[in-house]
N, C-alpha and C. Protein backbone atom coordinates (compact mmCIF):
# COMPACT_ATOMS: atom_id res chain seq x y z
N MET A 1 -13.18 15.28 6.15
CA MET A 1 -12.46 15.42 4.90
C MET A 1 -11.28 14.46 4.90
N SER A 2 -11.10 13.78 3.79
CA SER A 2 -10.02 12.81 3.64
C SER A 2 -8.90 13.41 2.80
N VAL A 3 -7.68 13.16 3.22
CA VAL A 3 -6.51 13.64 2.48
C VAL A 3 -5.93 12.46 1.72
N GLU A 4 -5.85 12.58 0.42
CA GLU A 4 -5.26 11.54 -0.41
C GLU A 4 -3.74 11.63 -0.32
N ARG A 5 -3.10 10.49 -0.19
CA ARG A 5 -1.64 10.44 -0.19
C ARG A 5 -1.22 9.80 -1.50
N HIS A 6 -0.26 10.41 -2.14
CA HIS A 6 0.22 9.90 -3.42
C HIS A 6 1.71 9.63 -3.31
N PHE A 7 2.14 8.61 -4.01
CA PHE A 7 3.55 8.28 -4.06
C PHE A 7 4.22 9.14 -5.12
N ASP A 8 5.44 9.54 -4.86
CA ASP A 8 6.26 10.23 -5.84
C ASP A 8 7.00 9.14 -6.61
N TRP A 9 6.32 8.55 -7.61
CA TRP A 9 6.86 7.40 -8.32
C TRP A 9 8.22 7.66 -8.96
N PRO A 10 8.42 8.81 -9.63
CA PRO A 10 9.76 9.03 -10.21
C PRO A 10 10.87 9.00 -9.16
N ALA A 11 10.64 9.61 -8.01
CA ALA A 11 11.65 9.61 -6.96
C ALA A 11 11.84 8.21 -6.37
N LEU A 12 10.74 7.49 -6.15
CA LEU A 12 10.85 6.13 -5.60
C LEU A 12 11.55 5.20 -6.58
N MET A 13 11.18 5.31 -7.85
CA MET A 13 11.82 4.45 -8.85
C MET A 13 13.30 4.78 -8.97
N GLY A 14 13.64 6.07 -8.94
CA GLY A 14 15.05 6.46 -8.99
C GLY A 14 15.82 5.91 -7.80
N ALA A 15 15.22 6.01 -6.62
CA ALA A 15 15.89 5.49 -5.42
C ALA A 15 16.05 3.98 -5.50
N GLY A 16 15.02 3.29 -5.95
CA GLY A 16 15.10 1.84 -6.02
C GLY A 16 16.01 1.33 -7.12
N LEU A 17 15.86 1.90 -8.32
CA LEU A 17 16.62 1.39 -9.46
C LEU A 17 18.04 1.93 -9.50
N ARG A 18 18.21 3.19 -9.21
CA ARG A 18 19.54 3.80 -9.30
C ARG A 18 20.32 3.63 -7.99
N ASP A 19 19.71 4.07 -6.88
CA ASP A 19 20.45 4.09 -5.61
C ASP A 19 20.59 2.69 -4.99
N LEU A 20 19.51 1.92 -4.98
CA LEU A 20 19.58 0.57 -4.40
C LEU A 20 20.01 -0.48 -5.42
N ARG A 21 20.07 -0.08 -6.68
CA ARG A 21 20.49 -0.97 -7.77
C ARG A 21 19.62 -2.22 -7.90
N LEU A 22 18.32 -2.02 -7.71
CA LEU A 22 17.37 -3.11 -7.89
C LEU A 22 17.04 -3.24 -9.37
N THR A 23 16.71 -4.44 -9.80
CA THR A 23 16.19 -4.62 -11.15
C THR A 23 14.73 -4.16 -11.13
N PRO A 24 14.16 -3.86 -12.30
CA PRO A 24 12.74 -3.50 -12.30
C PRO A 24 11.86 -4.58 -11.66
N ALA A 25 12.14 -5.84 -11.92
CA ALA A 25 11.35 -6.92 -11.33
C ALA A 25 11.46 -6.91 -9.80
N GLN A 26 12.66 -6.69 -9.30
CA GLN A 26 12.85 -6.63 -7.85
C GLN A 26 12.10 -5.44 -7.26
N PHE A 27 12.20 -4.28 -7.93
CA PHE A 27 11.53 -3.07 -7.45
C PHE A 27 10.03 -3.30 -7.34
N TRP A 28 9.41 -3.80 -8.42
CA TRP A 28 7.95 -3.95 -8.43
C TRP A 28 7.47 -5.09 -7.55
N ALA A 29 8.35 -6.00 -7.17
CA ALA A 29 7.97 -7.09 -6.26
C ALA A 29 7.93 -6.64 -4.80
N LEU A 30 8.54 -5.49 -4.50
CA LEU A 30 8.57 -5.00 -3.11
C LEU A 30 7.23 -4.43 -2.69
N THR A 31 6.93 -4.55 -1.41
CA THR A 31 5.79 -3.82 -0.85
C THR A 31 6.27 -2.41 -0.51
N PRO A 32 5.36 -1.45 -0.36
CA PRO A 32 5.79 -0.11 0.05
C PRO A 32 6.57 -0.11 1.37
N VAL A 33 6.19 -0.97 2.30
CA VAL A 33 6.90 -1.05 3.59
C VAL A 33 8.31 -1.56 3.38
N GLU A 34 8.48 -2.59 2.56
CA GLU A 34 9.82 -3.12 2.30
C GLU A 34 10.71 -2.05 1.66
N LEU A 35 10.17 -1.32 0.69
CA LEU A 35 10.95 -0.26 0.05
C LEU A 35 11.31 0.83 1.06
N ALA A 36 10.36 1.20 1.91
CA ALA A 36 10.63 2.23 2.92
C ALA A 36 11.75 1.79 3.86
N VAL A 37 11.73 0.54 4.29
CA VAL A 37 12.79 0.04 5.17
C VAL A 37 14.13 0.06 4.45
N MET A 38 14.15 -0.36 3.20
CA MET A 38 15.40 -0.38 2.44
C MET A 38 15.96 1.03 2.26
N LEU A 39 15.07 2.03 2.20
CA LEU A 39 15.49 3.41 2.02
C LEU A 39 15.76 4.12 3.34
N GLY A 40 15.53 3.41 4.45
CA GLY A 40 15.84 3.98 5.76
C GLY A 40 14.69 4.68 6.45
N PHE A 41 13.48 4.55 5.93
CA PHE A 41 12.31 5.15 6.56
C PHE A 41 11.60 4.08 7.38
N GLU A 42 12.15 3.74 8.52
CA GLU A 42 11.66 2.60 9.29
C GLU A 42 10.56 2.93 10.27
N GLY A 43 10.24 4.18 10.49
CA GLY A 43 9.23 4.50 11.49
C GLY A 43 8.18 5.43 10.94
N GLY A 44 7.26 5.79 11.80
CA GLY A 44 6.29 6.80 11.45
C GLY A 44 4.92 6.29 11.05
N ALA A 45 4.82 5.09 10.54
CA ALA A 45 3.52 4.59 10.14
C ALA A 45 2.76 4.08 11.36
N GLU A 46 1.51 4.50 11.45
CA GLU A 46 0.68 4.06 12.56
C GLU A 46 0.00 2.74 12.20
N PRO A 47 -0.26 1.89 13.20
CA PRO A 47 -0.99 0.65 12.93
C PRO A 47 -2.39 0.96 12.41
N LEU A 48 -2.94 0.04 11.64
CA LEU A 48 -4.29 0.19 11.11
C LEU A 48 -5.30 0.09 12.24
N SER A 49 -6.08 1.15 12.44
CA SER A 49 -7.09 1.16 13.50
C SER A 49 -8.40 0.59 12.97
N ARG A 50 -9.29 0.23 13.87
CA ARG A 50 -10.61 -0.28 13.49
C ARG A 50 -11.35 0.77 12.67
N ALA A 51 -11.28 2.04 13.09
CA ALA A 51 -11.96 3.12 12.37
C ALA A 51 -11.43 3.25 10.95
N ARG A 52 -10.10 3.18 10.79
CA ARG A 52 -9.51 3.29 9.45
C ARG A 52 -9.89 2.09 8.60
N LEU A 53 -9.92 0.90 9.19
CA LEU A 53 -10.34 -0.30 8.47
C LEU A 53 -11.77 -0.15 7.98
N GLU A 54 -12.66 0.33 8.83
CA GLU A 54 -14.06 0.52 8.44
C GLU A 54 -14.19 1.58 7.35
N GLU A 55 -13.38 2.64 7.44
CA GLU A 55 -13.39 3.66 6.40
C GLU A 55 -12.96 3.08 5.06
N LEU A 56 -11.90 2.27 5.07
CA LEU A 56 -11.43 1.65 3.83
C LEU A 56 -12.44 0.65 3.29
N ALA A 57 -13.08 -0.12 4.17
CA ALA A 57 -14.08 -1.10 3.74
C ALA A 57 -15.28 -0.41 3.10
N ALA A 58 -15.67 0.74 3.64
CA ALA A 58 -16.79 1.49 3.05
C ALA A 58 -16.39 2.09 1.71
N ARG A 59 -15.16 2.52 1.61
CA ARG A 59 -14.68 3.16 0.38
C ARG A 59 -14.41 2.16 -0.73
N PHE A 60 -13.94 0.97 -0.36
CA PHE A 60 -13.60 -0.07 -1.33
C PHE A 60 -14.30 -1.38 -0.96
N PRO A 61 -15.62 -1.45 -1.13
CA PRO A 61 -16.35 -2.66 -0.72
C PRO A 61 -15.97 -3.87 -1.57
N ASP A 62 -16.01 -5.04 -0.92
CA ASP A 62 -15.78 -6.29 -1.64
C ASP A 62 -16.90 -6.49 -2.63
N LYS A 63 -16.56 -7.01 -3.78
CA LYS A 63 -17.57 -7.31 -4.79
C LYS A 63 -17.65 -8.82 -4.91
N GLY A 64 -18.71 -9.39 -4.32
CA GLY A 64 -18.86 -10.84 -4.32
C GLY A 64 -19.61 -11.34 -5.54
N ARG A 65 -19.74 -12.63 -5.59
CA ARG A 65 -20.50 -13.25 -6.67
C ARG A 65 -21.99 -13.07 -6.42
N ALA A 66 -22.77 -13.15 -7.47
CA ALA A 66 -24.23 -13.06 -7.34
C ALA A 66 -24.70 -14.20 -6.45
N GLY A 67 -25.59 -13.89 -5.52
CA GLY A 67 -26.12 -14.89 -4.61
C GLY A 67 -25.35 -15.03 -3.33
N ASP A 68 -24.25 -14.30 -3.17
CA ASP A 68 -23.44 -14.38 -1.95
C ASP A 68 -23.89 -13.40 -0.88
N GLU A 69 -24.89 -12.58 -1.16
CA GLU A 69 -25.30 -11.56 -0.21
C GLU A 69 -25.73 -12.21 1.10
N GLY A 70 -25.23 -11.68 2.20
CA GLY A 70 -25.63 -12.17 3.51
C GLY A 70 -24.89 -13.40 3.98
N LYS A 71 -24.04 -13.98 3.20
CA LYS A 71 -23.32 -15.18 3.60
C LYS A 71 -21.99 -14.78 4.23
N ASP A 72 -21.62 -15.49 5.28
CA ASP A 72 -20.29 -15.32 5.87
C ASP A 72 -19.33 -16.23 5.14
N THR A 73 -18.17 -15.69 4.79
CA THR A 73 -17.18 -16.54 4.10
C THR A 73 -15.94 -16.67 4.92
């Protein structure tokens, strides 16, 4: 069973726009990791494992062009 993680966008936007005084463009240009570091959440994330990568690849397969099947890119 997979547990979906969701962002609390209102809280994150409030922290970024109000507390950190970022402009909307600055806020949306940040990666989640950059925002977490700016908010003081510097630890806790585990590195991406091979198993997790394979799970994500199965869940979100690349959609190539017609005729690309079987080709290494």
